[in-house]
Amino acid sequence: LQNSADSSRNVKGDVSHHHSAADASSEAKLKVLEAKLEKLRKSKKKYQEKFHNEREAKESMEKKLTKSLSSSKKKVELVAGSGVFLKGSKIAAAKLGSKTPPILARNLFRYLFRPEELNGRSLMGRTCNANKQLEALPTVDPVKRDAVIDFALASFNLHLTAGSKGINEYQIQKSRILTSLTKLLREGSKKASDY
């Protein structure tokens, strides 16, 4: 009987010892799980912040794109105070294929003037040296013409400099633009007379 009492005491002791070991093991597991949970919360917060930043960046880019598209539809004044406007997209298209000021001027000229505005007109309204006996043709709209020329020169950073001696790049390019536009007008009037 003594033996059975000792064994029952041992069993009770083992149970309580086993119980406290199980509690310690559970507490350790709980601490590990709490640590994992905290780590996951921090990770979640980090990803939420990243997501928020990405969303803001996306919205910012969308606004810029919308603004860019709307500004390309807006009309831009070629030369400040000239009153000559052209869509930003047409200016960009004209600049895209223009390697020189005369090419840019021709491209802009085509956008600004309708064919009927050019028919029977000259660039400066002067008589031609070869045909002095003929009456001078009326000039194209001088405000538009000058705006195109000034814009083309300014786009290539060519500006009239006061007091410079001799011929400078500005004057050379302006002369080339005038020659190019005169040829463009001749080509247009020749095509019109062929029809």
N, C-alpha and C. Protein backbone atom coordinates (compact mmCIF):
# COMPACT_ATOMS: atom_id res chain seq x y z
N LEU A 1 0.82 -1.18 0.00
CA LEU A 1 0.00 0.00 0.00
C LEU A 1 0.87 1.26 0.00
N GLN A 2 1.90 1.14 0.77
CA GLN A 2 2.84 2.23 0.83
C GLN A 2 3.37 2.51 -0.57
N ASN A 3 3.64 1.48 -1.24
CA ASN A 3 4.17 1.58 -2.58
C ASN A 3 3.18 2.28 -3.51
N SER A 4 1.93 1.92 -3.35
CA SER A 4 0.92 2.52 -4.20
C SER A 4 0.73 3.98 -3.85
N ALA A 5 0.85 4.34 -2.56
CA ALA A 5 0.73 5.74 -2.14
C ALA A 5 1.90 6.54 -2.70
N ASP A 6 3.09 5.97 -2.66
CA ASP A 6 4.26 6.65 -3.21
C ASP A 6 4.11 6.84 -4.72
N SER A 7 3.61 5.79 -5.32
CA SER A 7 3.46 5.90 -6.77
C SER A 7 2.39 6.90 -7.14
N SER A 8 1.32 6.98 -6.32
CA SER A 8 0.30 7.96 -6.63
C SER A 8 0.82 9.37 -6.39
N ARG A 9 1.69 9.54 -5.36
CA ARG A 9 2.30 10.84 -5.12
C ARG A 9 3.21 11.20 -6.29
N ASN A 10 3.94 10.23 -6.77
CA ASN A 10 4.82 10.45 -7.92
C ASN A 10 4.01 10.83 -9.15
N VAL A 11 2.91 10.17 -9.32
CA VAL A 11 2.06 10.46 -10.47
C VAL A 11 1.55 11.89 -10.36
N LYS A 12 1.09 12.26 -9.13
CA LYS A 12 0.60 13.63 -8.94
C LYS A 12 1.74 14.62 -9.16
N GLY A 13 2.91 14.31 -8.65
CA GLY A 13 4.07 15.18 -8.84
C GLY A 13 4.45 15.26 -10.30
N ASP A 14 4.39 14.13 -10.96
CA ASP A 14 4.70 14.12 -12.39
C ASP A 14 3.69 14.93 -13.17
N VAL A 15 2.44 14.83 -12.77
CA VAL A 15 1.38 15.56 -13.47
C VAL A 15 1.60 17.05 -13.29
N SER A 16 1.86 17.48 -12.05
CA SER A 16 2.06 18.91 -11.83
C SER A 16 3.35 19.37 -12.50
N HIS A 17 4.37 18.53 -12.46
CA HIS A 17 5.62 18.87 -13.14
C HIS A 17 5.38 18.90 -14.65
N HIS A 18 4.63 17.93 -15.10
CA HIS A 18 4.29 17.86 -16.52
C HIS A 18 3.43 19.06 -16.91
N HIS A 19 2.51 19.43 -16.00
CA HIS A 19 1.62 20.56 -16.23
C HIS A 19 2.42 21.86 -16.33
N SER A 20 3.36 22.08 -15.45
CA SER A 20 4.17 23.29 -15.48
C SER A 20 5.11 23.30 -16.68
N ALA A 21 5.57 22.16 -17.11
CA ALA A 21 6.40 22.06 -18.31
C ALA A 21 5.56 22.38 -19.54
N ALA A 22 4.32 21.91 -19.54
CA ALA A 22 3.42 22.20 -20.65
C ALA A 22 3.09 23.68 -20.68
N ASP A 23 2.90 24.29 -19.49
CA ASP A 23 2.63 25.72 -19.42
C ASP A 23 3.82 26.52 -19.95
N ALA A 24 5.00 26.13 -19.56
CA ALA A 24 6.21 26.82 -20.02
C ALA A 24 6.36 26.67 -21.52
N SER A 25 6.08 25.48 -22.01
CA SER A 25 6.17 25.23 -23.44
C SER A 25 5.12 26.06 -24.18
N SER A 26 3.92 26.14 -23.63
CA SER A 26 2.85 26.93 -24.24
C SER A 26 3.20 28.41 -24.23
N GLU A 27 3.77 28.87 -23.11
CA GLU A 27 4.17 30.27 -23.02
C GLU A 27 5.27 30.58 -24.02
N ALA A 28 6.19 29.68 -24.20
CA ALA A 28 7.27 29.87 -25.17
C ALA A 28 6.69 29.93 -26.58
N LYS A 29 5.77 29.01 -26.86
CA LYS A 29 5.12 29.01 -28.18
C LYS A 29 4.33 30.31 -28.38
N LEU A 30 3.64 30.74 -27.31
CA LEU A 30 2.86 31.97 -27.38
C LEU A 30 3.77 33.16 -27.66
N LYS A 31 4.92 33.22 -26.99
CA LYS A 31 5.87 34.32 -27.21
C LYS A 31 6.40 34.30 -28.64
N VAL A 32 6.68 33.11 -29.14
CA VAL A 32 7.17 32.98 -30.52
C VAL A 32 6.08 33.46 -31.49
N LEU A 33 4.84 33.04 -31.23
CA LEU A 33 3.73 33.46 -32.10
C LEU A 33 3.48 34.96 -32.00
N GLU A 34 3.58 35.52 -30.79
CA GLU A 34 3.42 36.97 -30.63
C GLU A 34 4.52 37.72 -31.36
N ALA A 35 5.73 37.21 -31.31
CA ALA A 35 6.85 37.84 -32.03
C ALA A 35 6.61 37.79 -33.54
N LYS A 36 6.13 36.63 -34.02
CA LYS A 36 5.81 36.50 -35.45
C LYS A 36 4.70 37.46 -35.84
N LEU A 37 3.67 37.55 -34.97
CA LEU A 37 2.55 38.44 -35.23
C LEU A 37 3.02 39.89 -35.30
N GLU A 38 3.88 40.28 -34.38
CA GLU A 38 4.41 41.65 -34.38
C GLU A 38 5.23 41.91 -35.64
N LYS A 39 6.02 40.91 -36.02
CA LYS A 39 6.83 41.03 -37.24
C LYS A 39 5.92 41.18 -38.46
N LEU A 40 4.84 40.40 -38.50
CA LEU A 40 3.88 40.49 -39.60
C LEU A 40 3.17 41.84 -39.61
N ARG A 41 2.84 42.36 -38.44
CA ARG A 41 2.19 43.68 -38.36
C ARG A 41 3.12 44.76 -38.92
N LYS A 42 4.40 44.69 -38.53
CA LYS A 42 5.37 45.67 -39.04
C LYS A 42 5.52 45.54 -40.55
N SER A 43 5.57 44.30 -41.02
CA SER A 43 5.69 44.06 -42.45
C SER A 43 4.46 44.59 -43.18
N LYS A 44 3.27 44.33 -42.60
CA LYS A 44 2.02 44.82 -43.20
C LYS A 44 2.04 46.34 -43.29
N LYS A 45 2.46 46.99 -42.19
CA LYS A 45 2.51 48.44 -42.17
C LYS A 45 3.48 48.97 -43.23
N LYS A 46 4.62 48.30 -43.35
CA LYS A 46 5.63 48.70 -44.34
C LYS A 46 5.04 48.59 -45.75
N TYR A 47 4.35 47.49 -46.04
CA TYR A 47 3.76 47.31 -47.36
C TYR A 47 2.60 48.26 -47.61
N GLN A 48 1.84 48.59 -46.56
CA GLN A 48 0.77 49.56 -46.72
C GLN A 48 1.35 50.93 -47.07
N GLU A 49 2.44 51.31 -46.40
CA GLU A 49 3.09 52.58 -46.72
C GLU A 49 3.63 52.57 -48.14
N LYS A 50 4.23 51.46 -48.53
CA LYS A 50 4.76 51.32 -49.89
C LYS A 50 3.62 51.43 -50.91
N PHE A 51 2.51 50.75 -50.62
CA PHE A 51 1.34 50.79 -51.50
C PHE A 51 0.81 52.22 -51.60
N HIS A 52 0.73 52.90 -50.46
CA HIS A 52 0.25 54.28 -50.44
C HIS A 52 1.16 55.18 -51.28
N ASN A 53 2.47 55.02 -51.12
CA ASN A 53 3.43 55.82 -51.90
C ASN A 53 3.31 55.52 -53.39
N GLU A 54 3.14 54.25 -53.73
CA GLU A 54 2.99 53.87 -55.14
C GLU A 54 1.71 54.47 -55.72
N ARG A 55 0.63 54.44 -54.94
CA ARG A 55 -0.64 55.01 -55.40
C ARG A 55 -0.48 56.51 -55.64
N GLU A 56 0.19 57.20 -54.71
CA GLU A 56 0.42 58.64 -54.88
C GLU A 56 1.26 58.92 -56.11
N ALA A 57 2.29 58.12 -56.33
CA ALA A 57 3.14 58.29 -57.52
C ALA A 57 2.33 58.07 -58.79
N LYS A 58 1.48 57.04 -58.79
CA LYS A 58 0.64 56.75 -59.95
C LYS A 58 -0.31 57.91 -60.22
N GLU A 59 -0.96 58.42 -59.17
CA GLU A 59 -1.89 59.54 -59.34
C GLU A 59 -1.15 60.78 -59.83
N SER A 60 0.04 61.00 -59.33
CA SER A 60 0.84 62.14 -59.76
C SER A 60 1.19 62.03 -61.25
N MET A 61 1.58 60.82 -61.67
CA MET A 61 1.91 60.61 -63.08
C MET A 61 0.68 60.78 -63.96
N GLU A 62 -0.47 60.29 -63.49
CA GLU A 62 -1.71 60.45 -64.26
C GLU A 62 -2.06 61.93 -64.42
N LYS A 63 -1.87 62.72 -63.35
CA LYS A 63 -2.14 64.15 -63.42
C LYS A 63 -1.21 64.82 -64.42
N LYS A 64 0.08 64.44 -64.37
CA LYS A 64 1.05 65.01 -65.31
C LYS A 64 0.69 64.66 -66.74
N LEU A 65 0.29 63.40 -66.96
CA LEU A 65 -0.09 62.97 -68.30
C LEU A 65 -1.31 63.73 -68.78
N THR A 66 -2.31 63.86 -67.92
CA THR A 66 -3.52 64.59 -68.27
C THR A 66 -3.18 66.04 -68.59
N LYS A 67 -2.34 66.64 -67.76
CA LYS A 67 -1.93 68.02 -67.97
C LYS A 67 -1.17 68.15 -69.29
N SER A 68 -0.29 67.19 -69.55
CA SER A 68 0.49 67.20 -70.78
C SER A 68 -0.41 67.09 -72.00
N LEU A 69 -1.38 66.17 -71.93
CA LEU A 69 -2.30 66.01 -73.05
C LEU A 69 -3.16 67.25 -73.25
N SER A 70 -3.61 67.85 -72.16
CA SER A 70 -4.44 69.04 -72.29
C SER A 70 -3.62 70.23 -72.76
N SER A 71 -2.35 70.29 -72.34
CA SER A 71 -1.51 71.41 -72.78
C SER A 71 -1.14 71.27 -74.25
N SER A 72 -1.07 70.03 -74.76
CA SER A 72 -0.77 69.88 -76.18
C SER A 72 -1.98 70.28 -77.02
N LYS A 73 -3.17 70.27 -76.41
CA LYS A 73 -4.36 70.73 -77.12
C LYS A 73 -4.51 72.24 -77.01
N LYS A 74 -3.86 72.83 -76.02
CA LYS A 74 -3.95 74.26 -75.83
C LYS A 74 -3.16 74.97 -76.92
N LYS A 75 -3.62 76.16 -77.23
CA LYS A 75 -2.90 76.95 -78.22
C LYS A 75 -1.80 77.74 -77.52
N VAL A 76 -0.69 77.83 -78.20
CA VAL A 76 0.49 78.52 -77.68
C VAL A 76 0.78 79.71 -78.59
N GLU A 77 1.08 80.84 -77.98
CA GLU A 77 1.43 82.02 -78.76
C GLU A 77 2.86 81.86 -79.26
N LEU A 78 3.05 81.93 -80.58
CA LEU A 78 4.38 81.70 -81.15
C LEU A 78 5.40 82.69 -80.62
N VAL A 79 5.07 83.96 -80.69
CA VAL A 79 5.95 85.01 -80.18
C VAL A 79 5.11 85.87 -79.25
N ALA A 80 5.61 86.11 -78.07
CA ALA A 80 4.86 86.88 -77.07
C ALA A 80 4.40 88.21 -77.66
N GLY A 81 3.10 88.46 -77.54
CA GLY A 81 2.53 89.72 -78.01
C GLY A 81 2.16 89.73 -79.49
N SER A 82 2.43 88.64 -80.21
CA SER A 82 2.14 88.62 -81.64
C SER A 82 0.66 88.35 -81.92
N GLY A 83 0.00 87.65 -81.02
CA GLY A 83 -1.40 87.28 -81.25
C GLY A 83 -1.54 86.11 -82.20
N VAL A 84 -0.43 85.47 -82.54
CA VAL A 84 -0.45 84.31 -83.44
C VAL A 84 -0.34 83.05 -82.59
N PHE A 85 -1.39 82.23 -82.64
CA PHE A 85 -1.45 81.03 -81.81
C PHE A 85 -1.48 79.79 -82.67
N LEU A 86 -0.91 78.72 -82.11
CA LEU A 86 -0.91 77.41 -82.77
C LEU A 86 -0.96 76.35 -81.68
N LYS A 87 -1.62 75.24 -81.96
CA LYS A 87 -1.71 74.17 -80.97
C LYS A 87 -0.32 73.67 -80.61
N GLY A 88 -0.15 73.37 -79.33
CA GLY A 88 1.14 72.87 -78.84
C GLY A 88 1.57 71.60 -79.55
N SER A 89 0.59 70.75 -79.89
CA SER A 89 0.92 69.49 -80.57
C SER A 89 1.45 69.75 -81.98
N LYS A 90 0.92 70.78 -82.64
CA LYS A 90 1.40 71.11 -84.00
C LYS A 90 2.80 71.71 -83.94
N ILE A 91 3.05 72.50 -82.92
CA ILE A 91 4.40 73.07 -82.75
C ILE A 91 5.39 71.94 -82.52
N ALA A 92 5.01 71.00 -81.65
CA ALA A 92 5.89 69.85 -81.36
C ALA A 92 6.13 69.03 -82.62
N ALA A 93 5.09 68.82 -83.41
CA ALA A 93 5.23 68.05 -84.66
C ALA A 93 6.14 68.78 -85.64
N ALA A 94 6.00 70.10 -85.72
CA ALA A 94 6.84 70.88 -86.63
C ALA A 94 8.30 70.82 -86.20
N LYS A 95 8.53 70.88 -84.90
CA LYS A 95 9.91 70.85 -84.39
C LYS A 95 10.55 69.48 -84.57
N LEU A 96 9.73 68.43 -84.50
CA LEU A 96 10.23 67.07 -84.52
C LEU A 96 11.10 66.78 -85.74
N GLY A 97 10.65 67.15 -86.91
CA GLY A 97 11.40 66.84 -88.12
C GLY A 97 12.24 67.98 -88.64
N SER A 98 12.43 69.00 -87.84
CA SER A 98 13.13 70.20 -88.31
C SER A 98 14.55 70.25 -87.78
N LYS A 99 15.50 70.10 -88.70
CA LYS A 99 16.91 70.14 -88.30
C LYS A 99 17.50 71.54 -88.42
N THR A 100 16.82 72.40 -89.16
CA THR A 100 17.33 73.76 -89.37
C THR A 100 16.17 74.76 -89.24
N PRO A 101 16.48 76.04 -89.00
CA PRO A 101 15.42 77.05 -88.91
C PRO A 101 14.54 77.15 -90.16
N PRO A 102 15.10 77.08 -91.39
CA PRO A 102 14.22 77.15 -92.56
C PRO A 102 13.21 76.00 -92.63
N ILE A 103 13.62 74.80 -92.25
CA ILE A 103 12.69 73.67 -92.28
C ILE A 103 11.59 73.88 -91.25
N LEU A 104 11.95 74.34 -90.06
CA LEU A 104 10.96 74.61 -89.03
C LEU A 104 9.99 75.69 -89.50
N ALA A 105 10.51 76.74 -90.11
CA ALA A 105 9.65 77.82 -90.60
C ALA A 105 8.67 77.31 -91.65
N ARG A 106 9.14 76.47 -92.57
CA ARG A 106 8.24 75.90 -93.60
C ARG A 106 7.15 75.06 -92.96
N ASN A 107 7.54 74.22 -91.99
CA ASN A 107 6.55 73.36 -91.33
C ASN A 107 5.50 74.20 -90.60
N LEU A 108 5.94 75.21 -89.88
CA LEU A 108 4.99 76.08 -89.16
C LEU A 108 4.12 76.86 -90.14
N PHE A 109 4.73 77.30 -91.23
CA PHE A 109 4.01 78.07 -92.25
C PHE A 109 2.85 77.24 -92.80
N ARG A 110 3.10 75.97 -93.05
CA ARG A 110 2.05 75.08 -93.57
C ARG A 110 0.91 74.92 -92.57
N TYR A 111 1.24 74.91 -91.27
CA TYR A 111 0.20 74.78 -90.25
C TYR A 111 -0.61 76.07 -90.09
N LEU A 112 0.06 77.21 -90.20
CA LEU A 112 -0.61 78.48 -89.94
C LEU A 112 -1.45 79.01 -91.10
N PHE A 113 -0.98 78.77 -92.31
CA PHE A 113 -1.67 79.33 -93.48
C PHE A 113 -2.42 78.25 -94.24
N ARG A 114 -3.67 78.55 -94.56
CA ARG A 114 -4.45 77.65 -95.42
C ARG A 114 -4.04 77.94 -96.87
N PRO A 115 -4.17 76.96 -97.76
CA PRO A 115 -3.76 77.17 -99.16
C PRO A 115 -4.42 78.39 -99.80
N GLU A 116 -5.69 78.64 -99.49
CA GLU A 116 -6.36 79.80 -100.09
C GLU A 116 -5.79 81.13 -99.58
N GLU A 117 -5.16 81.14 -98.42
CA GLU A 117 -4.52 82.35 -97.91
C GLU A 117 -3.22 82.64 -98.65
N LEU A 118 -2.64 81.62 -99.26
CA LEU A 118 -1.35 81.76 -99.93
C LEU A 118 -1.50 81.98 -101.43
N ASN A 119 -2.62 81.59 -101.97
CA ASN A 119 -2.84 81.67 -103.42
C ASN A 119 -2.77 83.12 -103.90
N GLY A 120 -1.92 83.37 -104.89
CA GLY A 120 -1.79 84.71 -105.47
C GLY A 120 -1.12 85.71 -104.54
N ARG A 121 -0.33 85.23 -103.60
CA ARG A 121 0.35 86.11 -102.65
C ARG A 121 1.86 85.92 -102.74
N SER A 122 2.56 86.92 -102.26
CA SER A 122 4.02 86.80 -102.16
C SER A 122 4.41 86.95 -100.69
N LEU A 123 5.63 86.60 -100.39
CA LEU A 123 6.06 86.63 -99.00
C LEU A 123 6.18 88.06 -98.47
N MET A 124 6.77 88.95 -99.26
CA MET A 124 7.01 90.31 -98.79
C MET A 124 6.21 91.38 -99.53
N GLY A 125 5.50 90.99 -100.59
CA GLY A 125 4.71 91.96 -101.34
C GLY A 125 5.54 92.86 -102.24
N ARG A 126 6.70 92.37 -102.63
CA ARG A 126 7.59 93.15 -103.49
C ARG A 126 7.51 92.62 -104.92
N THR A 127 7.95 93.46 -105.86
CA THR A 127 8.01 93.00 -107.25
C THR A 127 9.24 92.12 -107.42
N CYS A 128 9.14 91.20 -108.32
CA CYS A 128 10.23 90.28 -108.61
C CYS A 128 11.21 90.96 -109.56
N ASN A 129 12.50 90.77 -109.35
CA ASN A 129 13.50 91.37 -110.23
C ASN A 129 13.38 90.86 -111.65
N ALA A 130 13.01 89.60 -111.81
CA ALA A 130 12.89 89.02 -113.15
C ALA A 130 11.65 89.53 -113.87
N ASN A 131 10.63 89.92 -113.13
CA ASN A 131 9.36 90.37 -113.73
C ASN A 131 8.98 91.75 -113.21
N LYS A 132 9.84 92.73 -113.42
CA LYS A 132 9.58 94.07 -112.89
C LYS A 132 8.37 94.73 -113.55
N GLN A 133 8.04 94.29 -114.76
CA GLN A 133 6.91 94.88 -115.46
C GLN A 133 5.57 94.44 -114.85
N LEU A 134 5.58 93.32 -114.11
CA LEU A 134 4.35 92.83 -113.48
C LEU A 134 4.09 93.55 -112.16
N GLU A 135 2.83 93.62 -111.84
CA GLU A 135 2.45 94.26 -110.58
C GLU A 135 2.83 93.34 -109.41
N ALA A 136 3.22 93.93 -108.31
CA ALA A 136 3.61 93.15 -107.12
C ALA A 136 2.38 92.45 -106.54
N LEU A 137 2.58 91.21 -106.15
CA LEU A 137 1.50 90.46 -105.51
C LEU A 137 1.31 90.95 -104.08
N PRO A 138 0.09 90.87 -103.59
CA PRO A 138 -0.11 91.26 -102.19
C PRO A 138 0.63 90.30 -101.24
N THR A 139 1.01 90.80 -100.10
CA THR A 139 1.77 89.99 -99.15
C THR A 139 0.85 89.05 -98.35
N VAL A 140 1.44 87.97 -97.87
CA VAL A 140 0.71 87.11 -96.93
C VAL A 140 0.57 87.90 -95.64
N ASP A 141 -0.22 87.42 -94.72
CA ASP A 141 -0.42 88.11 -93.44
C ASP A 141 0.94 88.35 -92.79
N PRO A 142 1.37 89.62 -92.70
CA PRO A 142 2.71 89.92 -92.19
C PRO A 142 2.89 89.56 -90.70
N VAL A 143 1.83 89.61 -89.93
CA VAL A 143 1.95 89.28 -88.50
C VAL A 143 2.26 87.79 -88.35
N LYS A 144 1.51 86.96 -89.08
CA LYS A 144 1.76 85.51 -89.03
C LYS A 144 3.14 85.18 -89.58
N ARG A 145 3.48 85.81 -90.71
CA ARG A 145 4.77 85.55 -91.35
C ARG A 145 5.92 85.87 -90.40
N ASP A 146 5.88 87.05 -89.79
CA ASP A 146 6.96 87.47 -88.89
C ASP A 146 7.01 86.59 -87.64
N ALA A 147 5.84 86.16 -87.16
CA ALA A 147 5.81 85.28 -85.98
C ALA A 147 6.49 83.95 -86.30
N VAL A 148 6.22 83.41 -87.49
CA VAL A 148 6.84 82.15 -87.90
C VAL A 148 8.36 82.31 -87.98
N ILE A 149 8.80 83.37 -88.61
CA ILE A 149 10.24 83.61 -88.78
C ILE A 149 10.92 83.79 -87.43
N ASP A 150 10.35 84.64 -86.59
CA ASP A 150 10.94 84.90 -85.27
C ASP A 150 10.95 83.64 -84.40
N PHE A 151 9.87 82.86 -84.45
CA PHE A 151 9.80 81.64 -83.65
C PHE A 151 10.85 80.63 -84.12
N ALA A 152 10.98 80.47 -85.43
CA ALA A 152 11.96 79.51 -85.97
C ALA A 152 13.38 79.90 -85.57
N LEU A 153 13.69 81.17 -85.63
CA LEU A 153 15.03 81.62 -85.24
C LEU A 153 15.26 81.45 -83.74
N ALA A 154 14.26 81.81 -82.94
CA ALA A 154 14.38 81.69 -81.48
C ALA A 154 14.49 80.23 -81.05
N SER A 155 13.83 79.34 -81.77
CA SER A 155 13.88 77.91 -81.43
C SER A 155 15.29 77.34 -81.57
N PHE A 156 16.09 77.96 -82.41
CA PHE A 156 17.48 77.52 -82.59
C PHE A 156 18.45 78.49 -81.89
N ASN A 157 17.92 79.22 -80.91
CA ASN A 157 18.71 80.17 -80.10
C ASN A 157 19.44 81.20 -80.95
N LEU A 158 18.78 81.67 -81.98
CA LEU A 158 19.35 82.72 -82.82
C LEU A 158 18.57 84.00 -82.55
N HIS A 159 19.29 85.03 -82.09
CA HIS A 159 18.65 86.29 -81.75
C HIS A 159 19.43 87.43 -82.39
N LEU A 160 18.71 88.48 -82.74
CA LEU A 160 19.32 89.66 -83.33
C LEU A 160 20.17 90.34 -82.26
N THR A 161 21.43 90.53 -82.59
CA THR A 161 22.33 91.21 -81.65
C THR A 161 22.65 92.59 -82.18
N ALA A 162 22.41 93.58 -81.35
CA ALA A 162 22.64 94.97 -81.76
C ALA A 162 24.14 95.26 -81.77
N GLY A 163 24.56 96.01 -82.76
CA GLY A 163 25.94 96.46 -82.81
C GLY A 163 26.94 95.44 -83.33
N SER A 164 26.48 94.31 -83.85
CA SER A 164 27.45 93.34 -84.36
C SER A 164 27.85 93.75 -85.77
N LYS A 165 29.13 93.62 -86.06
CA LYS A 165 29.63 94.00 -87.38
C LYS A 165 29.64 92.78 -88.28
N GLY A 166 29.37 93.00 -89.54
CA GLY A 166 29.36 91.89 -90.49
C GLY A 166 28.08 91.09 -90.39
N ILE A 167 28.06 90.00 -91.12
CA ILE A 167 26.88 89.14 -91.14
C ILE A 167 27.04 88.07 -90.07
N ASN A 168 26.02 87.94 -89.23
CA ASN A 168 26.08 86.90 -88.20
C ASN A 168 25.12 85.75 -88.56
N GLU A 169 25.13 84.72 -87.75
CA GLU A 169 24.33 83.52 -88.01
C GLU A 169 22.83 83.84 -88.06
N TYR A 170 22.39 84.78 -87.25
CA TYR A 170 20.98 85.18 -87.24
C TYR A 170 20.58 85.67 -88.63
N GLN A 171 21.37 86.55 -89.19
CA GLN A 171 21.04 87.12 -90.51
C GLN A 171 21.11 86.07 -91.61
N ILE A 172 22.09 85.18 -91.51
CA ILE A 172 22.22 84.10 -92.51
C ILE A 172 20.99 83.21 -92.47
N GLN A 173 20.59 82.79 -91.28
CA GLN A 173 19.44 81.89 -91.16
C GLN A 173 18.14 82.60 -91.54
N LYS A 174 18.01 83.87 -91.21
CA LYS A 174 16.80 84.62 -91.59
C LYS A 174 16.70 84.70 -93.11
N SER A 175 17.82 84.95 -93.76
CA SER A 175 17.84 85.00 -95.22
C SER A 175 17.44 83.64 -95.81
N ARG A 176 17.95 82.56 -95.22
CA ARG A 176 17.60 81.21 -95.70
C ARG A 176 16.12 80.92 -95.48
N ILE A 177 15.58 81.38 -94.36
CA ILE A 177 14.14 81.18 -94.10
C ILE A 177 13.32 81.92 -95.15
N LEU A 178 13.67 83.16 -95.43
CA LEU A 178 12.92 83.95 -96.42
C LEU A 178 12.97 83.28 -97.79
N THR A 179 14.14 82.79 -98.17
CA THR A 179 14.29 82.10 -99.45
C THR A 179 13.44 80.83 -99.47
N SER A 180 13.48 80.08 -98.40
CA SER A 180 12.73 78.83 -98.31
C SER A 180 11.22 79.08 -98.37
N LEU A 181 10.75 80.10 -97.65
CA LEU A 181 9.32 80.40 -97.66
C LEU A 181 8.87 80.94 -99.01
N THR A 182 9.72 81.71 -99.66
CA THR A 182 9.40 82.20 -101.00
C THR A 182 9.24 81.03 -101.97
N LYS A 183 10.16 80.06 -101.89
CA LYS A 183 10.05 78.86 -102.73
C LYS A 183 8.78 78.10 -102.42
N LEU A 184 8.43 78.01 -101.15
CA LEU A 184 7.20 77.31 -100.75
C LEU A 184 5.98 77.99 -101.36
N LEU A 185 5.96 79.31 -101.35
CA LEU A 185 4.85 80.04 -101.96
C LEU A 185 4.79 79.82 -103.47
N ARG A 186 5.95 79.82 -104.12
CA ARG A 186 5.99 79.57 -105.57
C ARG A 186 5.47 78.18 -105.90
N GLU A 187 5.92 77.19 -105.10
CA GLU A 187 5.46 75.82 -105.32
C GLU A 187 3.94 75.74 -105.16
N GLY A 188 3.42 76.43 -104.16
CA GLY A 188 1.97 76.42 -103.92
C GLY A 188 1.21 77.09 -105.04
N SER A 189 1.71 78.21 -105.55
CA SER A 189 1.00 78.90 -106.63
C SER A 189 1.14 78.15 -107.94
N LYS A 190 2.27 77.44 -108.13
CA LYS A 190 2.44 76.64 -109.33
C LYS A 190 1.45 75.47 -109.32
N LYS A 191 1.30 74.82 -108.15
CA LYS A 191 0.34 73.71 -108.03
C LYS A 191 -1.08 74.21 -108.27
N ALA A 192 -1.40 75.40 -107.74
CA ALA A 192 -2.75 75.95 -107.90
C ALA A 192 -3.03 76.28 -109.36
N SER A 193 -2.02 76.77 -110.09
CA SER A 193 -2.23 77.11 -111.50
C SER A 193 -2.29 75.87 -112.39
N ASP A 194 -1.68 74.77 -111.92
CA ASP A 194 -1.73 73.52 -112.68
C ASP A 194 -3.12 72.90 -112.67
N TYR A 195 -3.91 73.20 -111.66
CA TYR A 195 -5.25 72.60 -111.55
C TYR A 195 -6.24 73.38 -112.28
